[in-house]
């Protein structure tokens, strides 16, 4: 999602950073800044500083820094567009209306239009559920213990059996057929080309994005027709592989782990029982996109799929995907219920909580599944089983995990632990070689290599003590700094000092919104080192940095040139730098 600089500026200007950060940590005014305990790491002495003038924050302890948008991104685990939406709603800015204004030649932004249509469709389905003529749909929910409050909380609804009732409703609202068809809510008849509703005689489950906007629907048929469940097709708004049902609610609170279930009703039942960290993929296999989405909010997931063959297979597919994204995985299999909804009705939330807390590791779940395919009373079968288990343990990166599981397995299956660990080591080494073979070489991210901290300290000091610029400007240029953001910061600070004008910090906030860039920007403009109140210390630090950056530049240029005159000039430059150190310190 793209937003213009004007929209971003308006949101940032109307989002007071002091007010917002104060909701996460207590701030005390101290001079021109506010200080408090850092909300990003544990500390006893406040090292977190917020500037009301600059509308920026910086932690001298952990280095976290940025503006109000990046603060929300980090604390709420949001993307840049999500953080903008979050702040826009707080500031009572209609971002959807603003998006419409961004269309070329006054045209309407398609995504904003589709969001508007989906919002109206959700409202239509919700109110249709309340009508007396549709009481069979309401009865469907009530029989499953879903109250009116829960229906409202999840926005549940009903698509009436009339084949084009939603279409007629949308036409009365003035929407064009082309736009309606693009949303996926409607289909076109092959006979007469007329549009009709995709969903008919189905109870409806709105699917929300992380900003609580409806982007799709799932519908369950009332009766025996097929398909039993029908989802919206993928669209401008909806990507099934990157959307999890219930996440818009789950993400509002911190949880020790998330629970992954199969369907809409399971999510709702778990939420009603108090397990609001429950989410589900949407009629599709669990994907890498789902795992990356979960990784933003949790380090651990408990898989709670249906207790059948399909559920077990789905869990076995999801485990390596979650693990490859750095998520610890446990698995809970319910023994006397086909799904979480049924279990909760039989045994209640307390028993579910107990089982969740005792969920087994993904390793033991997989070992049991492997065991079910072998006859362990036969020696040959047991050997094959243990070899497969050793391969599984060998896939673990942690040697501690390997050791613990090897010990447990050797005890359970009465196998010598040394023999098992030798087999594990063989598979582990094989796996390591395979991984090493496909690893691509890392691209050096900074042209200055390890000099980035030095460059930032130099620019920060110059920004806070501009008088020093007059001593050094003949020995420093933007070409000595890393290309991109660092060079732009250097250029802006040099120009600011020469012209006696303030640096346009808003420009950098707009141009470089990413968290990693905002950390650099806040380091330069917020990290004032009080030690440099001593002029000699300032000069020593600036001198050392000038020497280092110039030497790197000279060495690099010497390797690239064969011109004798240029070589001599560079060598003379090196001598001048040595002299600079003496003159600068004594100056």
Protein backbone atom coordinates (compact mmCIF):
# COMPACT_ATOMS: atom_id res chain seq x y z
CA UNK A 1 0.00 0.00 0.00
CA UNK A 2 1.41 3.41 -1.04
CA UNK A 3 0.65 6.64 0.78
CA UNK A 4 1.75 10.08 -0.31
CA UNK A 5 4.21 12.13 1.73
CA UNK A 6 1.38 14.57 2.46
CA UNK A 7 -0.75 11.87 4.10
CA UNK A 8 2.20 10.50 6.09
CA UNK A 9 3.11 14.02 7.23
CA UNK A 10 -0.44 14.74 8.37
CA UNK A 11 -0.64 11.50 10.35
CA UNK A 12 2.72 12.10 12.01
CA UNK A 13 1.97 15.74 12.84
CA UNK A 14 -1.37 14.82 14.41
CA UNK A 15 0.12 11.93 16.40
CA UNK A 16 1.86 13.38 19.44
CA UNK A 17 4.79 11.10 20.21
CA UNK A 18 4.83 11.98 23.93
CA UNK A 19 1.17 11.09 24.34
CA UNK A 20 1.48 7.79 22.48
CA UNK A 21 4.71 6.57 24.09
CA UNK A 22 3.35 7.53 27.54
CA UNK A 23 0.78 4.75 27.09
CA UNK A 24 3.63 2.22 27.12
CA UNK A 25 6.05 3.73 29.66
CA UNK A 26 5.96 6.60 32.16
CA UNK A 27 7.82 9.67 30.88
CA UNK A 28 9.25 12.54 32.95
CA UNK A 29 10.06 15.92 31.41
CA UNK A 30 13.76 16.70 31.68
CA UNK A 31 14.89 19.86 29.90
CA UNK A 32 13.86 19.71 26.25
CA UNK A 33 13.28 15.95 26.39
CA UNK A 34 11.20 13.38 28.23
CA UNK A 35 12.89 10.37 29.81
CA UNK A 36 11.70 7.01 31.08
CA UNK A 37 12.36 3.29 31.24
CA UNK A 38 12.86 1.81 27.79
CA UNK A 39 9.78 -0.11 26.56
CA UNK A 40 12.00 -2.30 24.35
CA UNK A 41 14.28 -3.85 26.99
CA UNK A 42 14.35 -4.42 30.75
CA UNK A 43 16.23 -1.77 32.74
CA UNK A 44 16.19 -0.23 36.21
CA UNK A 45 17.69 3.17 35.35
CA UNK A 46 15.91 5.25 32.65
CA UNK A 47 17.92 5.48 29.44
CA UNK A 48 15.03 6.16 27.05
CA UNK A 49 14.69 9.70 25.69
CA UNK A 50 11.85 11.26 23.69
CA UNK A 51 12.15 14.65 21.99
CA UNK A 52 8.92 16.60 21.65
CA UNK A 53 10.55 19.09 19.27
CA UNK A 54 11.99 16.47 16.94
CA UNK A 55 9.14 14.00 17.52
CA UNK A 56 11.72 11.22 17.84
CA UNK A 57 12.85 8.72 20.48
CA UNK A 58 16.16 7.02 21.27
CA UNK A 59 17.33 4.52 23.89
CA UNK A 60 20.92 4.92 25.06
CA UNK A 61 20.78 1.39 26.45
CA UNK A 62 19.63 -0.80 23.55
CA UNK A 63 19.86 1.66 20.63
CA UNK A 64 16.17 1.53 19.68
CA UNK A 65 15.14 4.72 17.96
CA UNK A 66 12.84 6.33 15.42
CA UNK A 67 9.67 8.38 15.12
CA UNK A 68 6.08 7.82 16.20
CA UNK A 69 5.37 5.52 13.25
CA UNK A 70 8.35 3.24 13.84
CA UNK A 71 7.53 3.17 17.56
CA UNK A 72 4.09 1.75 16.79
CA UNK A 73 5.61 -0.65 14.25
CA UNK A 74 8.00 -2.04 16.87
CA UNK A 75 5.64 -2.14 19.85
CA UNK A 76 2.58 -3.43 17.99
CA UNK A 77 4.46 -5.66 15.52
CA UNK A 78 2.93 -3.79 12.59
CA UNK A 79 4.03 -3.11 9.05
CA UNK A 80 4.41 0.52 7.93
CA UNK A 81 0.91 0.72 6.34
CA UNK A 82 -0.63 -0.97 9.39
CA UNK A 83 1.01 1.54 11.73
CA UNK A 84 -0.25 4.41 9.57
CA UNK A 85 -3.78 3.01 9.74
CA UNK A 86 -3.47 2.59 13.52
CA UNK A 87 -2.32 6.19 14.02
CA UNK A 88 -4.79 7.58 11.48
CA UNK A 89 -7.70 6.06 13.39
CA UNK A 90 -6.40 7.56 16.66
CA UNK A 91 -6.07 10.97 15.01
CA UNK A 92 -9.53 10.68 13.40
CA UNK A 93 -8.07 10.79 9.91
CA UNK A 94 -10.14 8.96 7.29
CA UNK A 95 -7.34 7.09 5.54
CA UNK A 96 -9.76 5.40 3.14
CA UNK A 97 -10.97 8.79 1.95
CA UNK A 98 -7.37 9.97 1.66
CA UNK A 99 -6.53 6.91 -0.45
CA UNK A 100 -9.31 7.76 -2.87
CA UNK A 101 -7.75 11.16 -3.43
CA UNK A 102 -4.52 9.47 -4.47
CA UNK A 103 -6.00 7.86 -7.59
CA UNK A 104 -4.60 9.20 -10.85
CA UNK A 105 -6.62 12.03 -12.41
CA UNK A 106 -8.99 11.99 -9.49
CA UNK A 107 -9.77 8.29 -9.97
CA UNK A 108 -10.74 6.11 -7.03
CA UNK A 109 -8.16 3.87 -5.40
CA UNK A 110 -9.30 0.30 -6.12
CA UNK A 111 -8.31 -1.11 -2.75
CA UNK A 112 -10.17 1.62 -0.90
CA UNK A 113 -13.24 1.00 -3.05
CA UNK A 114 -13.14 -2.75 -2.43
CA UNK A 115 -12.78 -2.18 1.32
CA UNK A 116 -15.86 0.02 1.19
CA UNK A 117 -17.85 -2.64 -0.69
CA UNK A 118 -16.76 -5.39 1.72
CA UNK A 119 -17.70 -3.23 4.69
CA UNK A 120 -21.19 -2.74 3.30
CA UNK A 121 -21.49 -6.43 2.42
CA UNK A 122 -20.53 -7.40 5.98
CA UNK A 123 -23.14 -5.02 7.36
CA UNK A 124 -25.75 -6.44 4.97
CA UNK A 125 -25.02 -10.04 6.01
CA UNK A 126 -25.02 -9.11 9.70
CA UNK A 127 -28.44 -7.44 9.56
CA UNK A 128 -29.83 -10.22 7.35
CA UNK A 129 -29.03 -12.65 10.17
CA UNK A 130 -31.25 -10.66 12.53
CA UNK A 131 -34.36 -10.85 10.30
CA UNK A 132 -37.18 -13.14 11.43
CA UNK A 133 -37.41 -14.68 7.96
CA UNK A 134 -33.81 -15.92 8.39
CA UNK A 135 -34.23 -17.37 11.88
CA UNK A 136 -32.92 -20.77 10.73
CA UNK A 137 -29.49 -19.16 10.29
CA UNK A 138 -29.58 -17.57 13.73
CA UNK A 139 -30.67 -20.91 15.16
CA UNK A 140 -27.60 -22.53 13.59
CA UNK A 141 -25.34 -20.29 15.69
CA UNK A 142 -27.41 -20.49 18.87
CA UNK A 143 -27.39 -24.30 18.79
CA UNK A 144 -23.60 -24.13 18.82
CA UNK A 145 -23.55 -21.91 21.86
CA UNK A 146 -22.79 -18.72 19.95
CA UNK A 147 -24.59 -15.85 21.64
CA UNK A 148 -25.68 -12.53 20.17
CA UNK A 149 -22.66 -10.84 21.76
CA UNK A 150 -20.29 -13.31 20.09
CA UNK A 151 -22.09 -12.84 16.76
CA UNK A 152 -21.55 -9.10 17.07
CA UNK A 153 -17.92 -9.50 18.19
CA UNK A 154 -17.00 -11.55 15.12
CA UNK A 155 -19.45 -9.80 12.76
CA UNK A 156 -21.16 -13.08 11.84
CA UNK A 157 -23.97 -12.94 9.31
CA UNK A 158 -26.16 -14.71 6.79
CA UNK A 159 -26.28 -14.61 2.98
CA UNK A 160 -29.98 -15.07 2.07
CA UNK A 161 -31.04 -17.76 -0.38
CA UNK A 162 -32.13 -15.17 -2.98
CA UNK A 163 -29.53 -15.45 -5.71
CA UNK A 164 -28.86 -11.73 -6.31
CA UNK A 165 -30.09 -9.91 -3.22
CA UNK A 166 -26.65 -8.49 -2.30
CA UNK A 167 -26.05 -7.48 -5.93
CA UNK A 168 -29.33 -5.55 -6.04
CA UNK A 169 -28.42 -3.87 -2.77
CA UNK A 170 -25.03 -2.78 -4.13
CA UNK A 171 -26.55 -1.46 -7.36
CA UNK A 172 -28.87 0.73 -5.31
CA UNK A 173 -25.72 2.08 -3.66
CA UNK A 174 -24.48 3.10 -7.11
CA UNK A 175 -21.58 0.68 -7.66
CA UNK A 176 -20.52 -0.35 -11.16
CA UNK A 177 -20.66 -4.00 -12.27
CA UNK A 178 -16.95 -4.01 -13.11
CA UNK A 179 -16.00 -2.96 -9.59
CA UNK A 180 -18.41 -5.41 -7.98
CA UNK A 181 -17.10 -8.31 -10.05
CA UNK A 182 -13.49 -7.50 -9.11
CA UNK A 183 -14.27 -7.88 -5.40
CA UNK A 184 -15.01 -11.60 -5.80
CA UNK A 185 -18.37 -11.23 -4.08
CA UNK A 186 -20.21 -11.78 -7.34
CA UNK A 187 -20.16 -14.10 -10.36
CA UNK A 188 -21.21 -13.48 -13.95
CA UNK A 189 -23.81 -15.68 -15.60
CA UNK A 190 -22.60 -17.41 -18.77
CA UNK A 191 -26.15 -17.32 -20.15
CA UNK A 192 -27.07 -13.66 -19.90
CA UNK A 193 -23.95 -11.94 -18.54
CA UNK A 194 -25.78 -10.75 -15.43
CA UNK A 195 -24.07 -10.70 -12.04
CA UNK A 196 -25.30 -12.77 -9.12
CA UNK A 197 -24.16 -13.35 -5.53
CA UNK A 198 -21.29 -15.77 -4.90
CA UNK A 199 -22.68 -16.60 -1.45
CA UNK A 200 -26.25 -17.84 -1.10
CA UNK A 201 -28.01 -19.52 1.86
CA UNK A 202 -24.82 -19.59 3.93
CA UNK A 203 -23.89 -18.41 7.40
CA UNK A 204 -21.12 -15.89 6.90
CA UNK A 205 -17.77 -15.38 8.62
CA UNK A 206 -16.12 -12.04 7.79
CA UNK A 207 -12.35 -12.27 7.38
CA UNK A 208 -10.47 -9.23 8.69
CA UNK A 209 -7.04 -7.82 7.98
CA UNK A 210 -4.83 -6.68 10.86
CA UNK A 211 -6.44 -3.24 10.83
CA UNK A 212 -9.85 -4.86 11.45
CA UNK A 213 -11.09 -4.18 7.92
CA UNK A 214 -13.19 -6.86 6.20
CA UNK A 215 -11.26 -8.20 3.20
CA UNK A 216 -13.04 -11.49 2.45
CA UNK A 217 -15.69 -13.94 3.65
CA UNK A 218 -16.06 -17.58 4.46
CA UNK A 219 -19.51 -19.10 4.12
CA UNK A 220 -20.91 -22.38 5.46
CA UNK A 221 -23.94 -23.78 3.71
CA UNK A 222 -27.11 -24.43 5.69
CA UNK A 223 -28.16 -27.95 4.81
CA UNK A 224 -26.43 -30.68 2.86
CA UNK A 225 -25.21 -28.89 -0.27
CA UNK A 226 -21.64 -28.67 -1.56
CA UNK A 227 -19.16 -27.23 -1.05
CA UNK A 228 -19.73 -27.22 2.69
CA UNK A 229 -17.42 -24.21 3.13
CA UNK A 230 -16.84 -21.56 0.49
CA UNK A 231 -14.26 -18.77 0.73
CA UNK A 232 -13.84 -15.54 -1.19
CA UNK A 233 -11.35 -15.86 -4.05
CA UNK A 234 -8.02 -14.08 -3.79
CA UNK A 235 -8.22 -10.42 -4.72
CA UNK A 236 -6.52 -7.05 -4.38
CA UNK A 237 -7.30 -7.27 -0.66
CA UNK A 238 -7.14 -10.97 0.10
CA UNK A 239 -4.14 -13.31 -0.03
CA UNK A 240 -5.07 -16.65 1.58
CA UNK A 241 -1.44 -17.62 2.10
CA UNK A 242 -0.83 -14.52 4.24
CA UNK A 243 -4.10 -14.23 6.16
CA UNK A 244 -5.00 -15.93 9.44
CA UNK A 245 -8.56 -15.91 10.76
CA UNK A 246 -8.75 -14.38 14.23
CA UNK A 247 -5.33 -12.72 14.16
CA UNK A 248 -6.87 -9.23 14.17
CA UNK A 249 -8.08 -10.05 17.70
CA UNK A 250 -5.22 -12.26 18.90
CA UNK A 251 -2.58 -9.63 18.18
CA UNK A 252 -4.18 -7.14 20.59
CA UNK A 253 -2.68 -8.87 23.63
CA UNK A 254 0.61 -10.57 24.48
CA UNK A 255 0.41 -14.34 24.81
CA UNK A 256 3.02 -16.95 25.82
CA UNK A 257 2.04 -18.96 22.75
CA UNK A 258 -0.44 -18.95 19.88
CA UNK A 259 -2.85 -21.79 19.07
CA UNK A 260 -3.31 -22.93 15.48
CA UNK A 261 -6.63 -24.61 14.62
CA UNK A 262 -8.36 -25.60 11.39
CA UNK A 263 -11.66 -23.74 11.09
CA UNK A 264 -13.77 -20.69 11.83
CA UNK A 265 -15.93 -22.39 14.45
CA UNK A 266 -12.85 -23.68 16.28
CA UNK A 267 -11.42 -20.16 16.47
CA UNK A 268 -14.69 -18.72 17.75
CA UNK A 269 -15.18 -21.50 20.32
CA UNK A 270 -11.62 -21.08 21.60
CA UNK A 271 -11.97 -17.29 21.84
CA UNK A 272 -15.26 -17.60 23.72
CA UNK A 273 -13.51 -19.98 26.15
CA UNK A 274 -10.82 -17.36 26.78
CA UNK A 275 -8.11 -18.58 24.39
CA UNK A 276 -7.99 -15.39 22.35
CA UNK A 277 -4.60 -16.28 20.89
CA UNK A 278 -6.24 -18.84 18.58
CA UNK A 279 -6.00 -18.43 14.79
CA UNK A 280 -6.72 -20.54 11.70
CA UNK A 281 -5.59 -20.67 8.09
CA UNK A 282 -8.38 -20.16 5.59
CA UNK A 283 -9.31 -23.27 3.68
CA UNK A 284 -5.74 -23.70 2.54
CA UNK A 285 -2.62 -25.52 3.67
CA UNK A 286 -0.42 -23.72 6.19
CA UNK A 287 2.19 -21.68 4.30
CA UNK A 288 5.49 -19.92 4.82
CA UNK A 289 3.55 -16.65 4.63
CA UNK A 290 1.39 -17.76 7.56
CA UNK A 291 4.49 -18.67 9.58
CA UNK A 292 6.16 -15.32 8.88
CA UNK A 293 2.97 -13.58 9.99
CA UNK A 294 2.89 -15.53 13.27
CA UNK A 295 6.61 -14.90 13.85
CA UNK A 296 5.81 -11.20 14.25
CA UNK A 297 3.76 -11.97 17.35
CA UNK A 298 5.06 -15.14 18.99
CA UNK A 299 7.98 -17.51 19.44
CA UNK A 300 5.82 -20.57 20.12
CA UNK A 301 2.79 -22.20 18.51
CA UNK A 302 0.63 -25.10 19.70
CA UNK A 303 -0.95 -26.94 16.78
CA UNK A 304 -4.48 -28.05 17.68
CA UNK A 305 -5.82 -29.60 14.49
CA UNK A 306 -8.72 -32.02 14.21
CA UNK A 307 -8.15 -35.51 15.59
CA UNK A 308 -8.27 -37.38 12.28
CA UNK A 309 -5.90 -38.50 9.55
CA UNK A 310 -6.20 -35.24 7.64
CA UNK A 311 -5.50 -33.24 10.80
CA UNK A 312 -2.36 -35.25 11.56
CA UNK A 313 -1.07 -34.85 7.99
CA UNK A 314 -1.74 -31.11 8.12
CA UNK A 315 0.19 -30.85 11.41
CA UNK A 316 3.14 -32.77 9.96
CA UNK A 317 3.22 -30.35 7.01
CA UNK A 318 2.98 -27.26 9.22
CA UNK A 319 5.71 -28.23 11.70
CA UNK A 320 8.78 -27.82 9.41
CA UNK A 321 7.36 -24.56 8.02
CA UNK A 322 7.01 -23.10 11.50
CA UNK A 323 10.41 -24.44 12.58
CA UNK A 324 12.18 -22.98 9.55
CA UNK A 325 10.87 -19.57 10.62
CA UNK A 326 12.34 -19.92 14.12
CA UNK A 327 9.08 -20.80 15.89
CA UNK A 328 9.03 -23.45 18.60
CA UNK A 329 6.23 -25.95 17.98
CA UNK A 330 4.13 -28.14 20.23
CA UNK A 331 1.24 -30.38 19.22
CA UNK A 332 -1.95 -31.22 21.10
CA UNK A 333 -4.09 -34.11 19.91
CA UNK A 334 -7.50 -34.39 21.51
CA UNK A 335 -8.40 -37.99 22.29
CA UNK A 336 -12.16 -37.93 22.86
CA UNK A 337 -13.34 -35.13 20.60
CA UNK A 338 -13.04 -34.59 16.88
CA UNK A 339 -12.17 -30.88 17.21
CA UNK A 340 -11.63 -28.11 19.82
CA UNK A 341 -15.25 -26.94 19.59
CA UNK A 342 -16.56 -30.37 20.57
CA UNK A 343 -13.95 -30.80 23.32
CA UNK A 344 -14.86 -27.50 24.96
CA UNK A 345 -18.53 -28.42 24.98
CA UNK A 346 -17.69 -31.73 26.70
CA UNK A 347 -14.96 -30.73 29.14
CA UNK A 348 -14.74 -26.94 29.38
CA UNK A 349 -11.96 -24.35 29.31
CA UNK A 350 -10.05 -25.48 32.40
CA UNK A 351 -9.42 -28.94 30.99
CA UNK A 352 -8.41 -27.43 27.65
CA UNK A 353 -5.94 -25.12 29.43
CA UNK A 354 -4.41 -28.06 31.26
CA UNK A 355 -3.93 -30.01 28.02
CA UNK A 356 -2.49 -27.00 26.20
CA UNK A 357 0.06 -26.48 28.95
CA UNK A 358 1.03 -30.15 28.68
CA UNK A 359 1.16 -30.26 24.86
CA UNK A 360 3.97 -32.46 23.59
CA UNK A 361 6.95 -31.24 21.59
CA UNK A 362 6.79 -31.51 17.81
CA UNK A 363 9.61 -34.06 18.00
CA UNK A 364 7.64 -36.55 20.07
CA UNK A 365 4.56 -36.02 17.94
CA UNK A 366 6.57 -36.85 14.83
CA UNK A 367 8.28 -39.81 16.51
CA UNK A 368 4.89 -41.29 17.41
CA UNK A 369 3.70 -40.84 13.84
CA UNK A 370 6.85 -42.56 12.54
CA UNK A 371 6.40 -45.38 15.07
CA UNK A 372 2.86 -46.02 13.84
CA UNK A 373 4.27 -47.14 10.47
CA UNK A 374 6.62 -49.81 11.89
CA UNK A 375 6.31 -53.10 13.80
CA UNK A 376 8.91 -52.55 16.52
CA UNK A 377 8.78 -56.15 17.72
CA UNK A 378 10.68 -57.04 14.52
CA UNK A 379 14.44 -56.21 14.72
CA UNK A 380 14.73 -55.03 11.10
CA UNK A 381 11.70 -52.79 11.51
CA UNK A 382 13.06 -51.33 14.76
CA UNK A 383 16.42 -50.54 13.10
CA UNK A 384 14.67 -48.69 10.26
CA UNK A 385 12.48 -46.86 12.76
CA UNK A 386 15.45 -45.72 14.86
CA UNK A 387 17.38 -44.65 11.76
CA UNK A 388 14.46 -42.49 10.72
CA UNK A 389 14.22 -41.06 14.24
CA UNK A 390 17.99 -40.38 14.24
CA UNK A 391 17.56 -38.49 10.98
CA UNK A 392 14.80 -36.42 12.59
CA UNK A 393 16.96 -35.61 15.64
CA UNK A 394 19.89 -34.83 13.34
CA UNK A 395 17.77 -32.15 11.66
CA UNK A 396 17.77 -30.15 14.91
CA UNK A 397 20.30 -27.31 14.90
CA UNK A 398 20.82 -27.29 18.68
CA UNK A 399 23.25 -29.89 19.99
CA UNK A 400 21.57 -29.54 23.40
CA UNK A 401 18.22 -30.53 21.89
CA UNK A 402 19.90 -33.43 20.12
CA UNK A 403 21.42 -34.65 23.39
CA UNK A 404 18.20 -34.37 25.40
CA UNK A 405 16.05 -36.15 22.83
CA UNK A 406 18.70 -38.82 22.26
CA UNK A 407 18.66 -39.62 25.97
CA UNK A 408 14.86 -39.76 26.13
CA UNK A 409 14.61 -41.93 23.01
CA UNK A 410 17.32 -44.34 24.14
CA UNK A 411 15.46 -44.87 27.42
CA UNK A 412 12.03 -45.28 25.84
CA UNK A 413 13.10 -47.63 23.06
CA UNK A 414 15.91 -49.41 24.96
CA UNK A 415 18.73 -48.48 22.60
CA UNK A 416 22.32 -47.65 23.60
CA UNK A 417 22.56 -43.85 23.75
CA UNK A 418 26.08 -43.71 22.28
CA UNK A 419 24.96 -45.77 19.29
CA UNK A 420 21.96 -43.51 18.75
CA UNK A 421 24.03 -40.33 19.05
CA UNK A 422 26.55 -41.69 16.55
CA UNK A 423 23.70 -42.19 14.08
CA UNK A 424 22.34 -38.72 14.88
CA UNK A 425 25.78 -37.18 14.31
CA UNK A 426 26.04 -38.85 10.91
CA UNK A 427 22.74 -37.36 9.77
CA UNK A 428 23.51 -33.99 11.38
CA UNK A 429 26.82 -33.67 9.51
CA UNK A 430 25.14 -34.69 6.27
CA UNK A 431 22.42 -32.08 6.82
CA UNK A 432 25.00 -29.39 7.67
CA UNK A 433 26.95 -30.05 4.45
CA UNK A 434 23.75 -29.89 2.43
CA UNK A 435 22.78 -26.57 3.98
CA UNK A 436 26.28 -25.15 3.50
CA UNK A 437 26.25 -26.13 -0.17
CA UNK A 438 23.16 -24.06 -0.95
CA UNK A 439 23.99 -21.02 1.19
CA UNK A 440 24.51 -17.91 -0.90
CA UNK A 441 27.34 -15.54 0.00
CA UNK A 442 26.20 -12.55 2.01
CA UNK A 443 26.23 -9.21 0.28
CA UNK A 444 28.09 -6.56 2.26
CA UNK A 445 25.36 -4.25 3.41
CA UNK A 446 27.53 -1.21 4.21
CA UNK A 447 30.19 0.14 1.86
CA UNK A 448 32.07 1.29 4.93
CA UNK A 449 31.99 -2.15 6.47
CA UNK A 450 32.60 -1.89 10.20
CA UNK A 451 32.88 1.91 10.15
CA UNK A 452 29.13 2.55 10.33
CA UNK A 453 29.08 3.24 14.12
CA UNK A 454 32.02 5.62 13.66
CA UNK A 455 30.25 7.44 10.83
CA UNK A 456 27.10 7.85 12.91
CA UNK A 457 29.00 9.08 15.97
CA UNK A 458 30.88 11.58 13.78
CA UNK A 459 27.66 12.98 12.24
CA UNK A 460 25.88 13.06 15.60
CA UNK A 461 28.75 15.00 17.19
CA UNK A 462 28.93 17.45 14.31
CA UNK A 463 25.15 17.96 14.47
CA UNK A 464 25.31 18.75 18.20
CA UNK A 465 28.60 20.75 18.11
CA UNK A 466 28.53 22.56 14.75
CA UNK A 467 31.39 24.92 15.71
CA UNK A 468 33.83 22.06 15.02
CA UNK A 469 32.92 22.00 11.34
CA UNK A 470 35.11 25.01 10.58
CA UNK A 471 38.22 23.08 11.69
CA UNK A 472 37.60 20.00 9.57
CA UNK A 473 35.61 20.94 6.45
CA UNK A 474 38.71 20.87 4.27
CA UNK A 475 39.33 17.22 5.17
CA UNK A 476 35.86 15.74 4.97
CA UNK A 477 33.40 15.16 2.14
CA UNK A 478 30.22 13.18 1.58
CA UNK A 479 32.15 10.73 -0.62
CA UNK A 480 33.76 9.30 2.53
CA UNK A 481 30.41 8.06 3.85
CA UNK A 482 28.34 5.03 2.92
CA UNK A 483 26.14 5.66 -0.10
CA UNK A 484 22.44 6.26 0.42
CA UNK A 485 21.02 7.40 3.74
CA UNK A 486 24.40 8.06 5.45
CA UNK A 487 25.64 10.25 2.59
CA UNK A 488 22.35 12.17 2.58
CA UNK A 489 22.60 12.76 6.32
CA UNK A 490 26.18 13.99 5.96
CA UNK A 491 25.22 16.32 3.12
CA UNK A 492 22.24 17.72 5.05
CA UNK A 493 24.28 18.36 8.21
CA UNK A 494 27.16 20.00 6.30
CA UNK A 495 24.72 22.24 4.41
CA UNK A 496 22.82 23.06 7.60
CA UNK A 497 25.99 24.28 9.31
CA UNK A 498 27.24 26.24 6.29
CA UNK A 499 23.89 28.00 5.77
CA UNK A 500 22.94 28.23 9.48
CA UNK A 501 19.59 26.55 8.78
CA UNK A 502 18.00 23.58 10.59
CA UNK A 503 18.17 20.08 9.13
CA UNK A 504 14.87 18.98 7.60
CA UNK A 505 14.34 15.89 9.77
CA UNK A 506 10.84 15.37 8.32
CA UNK A 507 12.44 14.77 4.92
CA UNK A 508 14.38 11.79 6.29
CA UNK A 509 11.34 10.48 8.15
CA UNK A 510 9.37 10.47 4.89
CA UNK A 511 12.09 9.13 2.62
CA UNK A 512 13.37 6.41 4.96
CA UNK A 513 10.43 4.93 6.92
CA UNK A 514 11.97 1.48 7.55
CA UNK A 515 12.83 0.65 11.17
CA UNK A 516 16.53 0.01 10.42
CA UNK A 517 16.82 3.42 8.72
CA UNK A 518 14.89 5.20 11.46
CA UNK A 519 17.32 3.75 14.00
CA UNK A 520 20.18 5.37 12.08
CA UNK A 521 18.34 8.69 11.80
CA UNK A 522 17.47 8.80 15.50
CA UNK A 523 21.06 7.89 16.42
CA UNK A 524 22.35 10.92 14.52
CA UNK A 525 19.77 13.40 15.77
CA UNK A 526 19.12 12.11 19.30
CA UNK A 527 22.26 10.42 20.66
CA UNK A 528 24.12 13.36 22.14
CA UNK A 529 27.15 12.18 24.13
CA UNK A 530 27.63 14.44 27.16
CA UNK A 531 31.34 13.52 27.29
CA UNK A 532 31.89 15.72 24.27
CA UNK A 533 31.12 18.84 26.26
CA UNK A 534 34.92 18.87 26.57
CA UNK A 535 36.25 20.43 23.35
CA UNK A 536 39.43 18.34 23.33
CA UNK A 537 37.39 15.15 23.32
CA UNK A 538 35.32 16.41 20.39
CA UNK A 539 38.46 17.24 18.40
CA UNK A 540 40.12 13.92 19.19
CA UNK A 541 37.06 11.93 18.13
CA UNK A 542 36.52 13.94 14.94
CA UNK A 543 40.21 13.72 14.06
CA UNK A 544 40.35 9.96 14.48
CA UNK A 545 37.22 9.52 12.37
CA UNK A 546 38.50 11.82 9.62
CA UNK A 547 41.76 9.91 9.51
CA UNK A 548 40.04 6.53 9.41
CA UNK A 549 37.48 7.40 6.74
CA UNK A 550 40.07 9.15 4.57
CA UNK A 551 42.52 6.26 4.89
CA UNK A 552 39.85 3.78 3.81
CA UNK A 553 38.98 5.98 0.84
CA UNK A 554 42.65 6.42 -0.11
CA UNK A 555 43.44 2.70 0.14
CA UNK A 556 40.43 1.87 -1.98
CA UNK A 557 41.43 4.44 -4.62
CA UNK A 558 45.07 3.28 -4.66
CA UNK A 559 43.93 -0.24 -5.53
CA UNK A 560 41.90 1.07 -8.45
CA UNK A 561 44.42 3.46 -10.06
CA UNK A 562 47.71 2.97 -11.91
CA UNK A 563 48.25 6.65 -12.63
CA UNK A 564 51.58 7.72 -11.04
CA UNK A 565 50.47 11.32 -10.55
CA UNK A 566 47.29 10.21 -8.77
CA UNK A 567 49.24 7.80 -6.57
CA UNK A 568 51.62 10.56 -5.55
CA UNK A 569 48.71 12.88 -4.78
CA UNK A 570 47.09 10.26 -2.56
CA UNK A 571 50.33 9.60 -0.69
CA UNK A 572 50.69 13.33 -0.05
CA UNK A 573 47.13 13.30 1.24
CA UNK A 574 48.05 10.58 3.74
CA UNK A 575 50.91 12.71 5.06
CA UNK A 576 48.59 15.69 5.41
CA UNK A 577 46.24 13.56 7.46
CA UNK A 578 49.03 12.71 9.90
CA UNK A 579 49.78 16.40 10.26
CA UNK A 580 46.07 17.13 10.71
CA UNK A 581 46.06 15.07 13.86
CA UNK A 582 48.76 17.19 15.48
CA UNK A 583 47.43 20.54 14.31
CA UNK A 584 43.84 19.69 15.12
CA UNK A 585 44.60 18.62 18.67
CA UNK A 586 46.84 21.60 19.30
CA UNK A 587 44.47 23.99 17.52
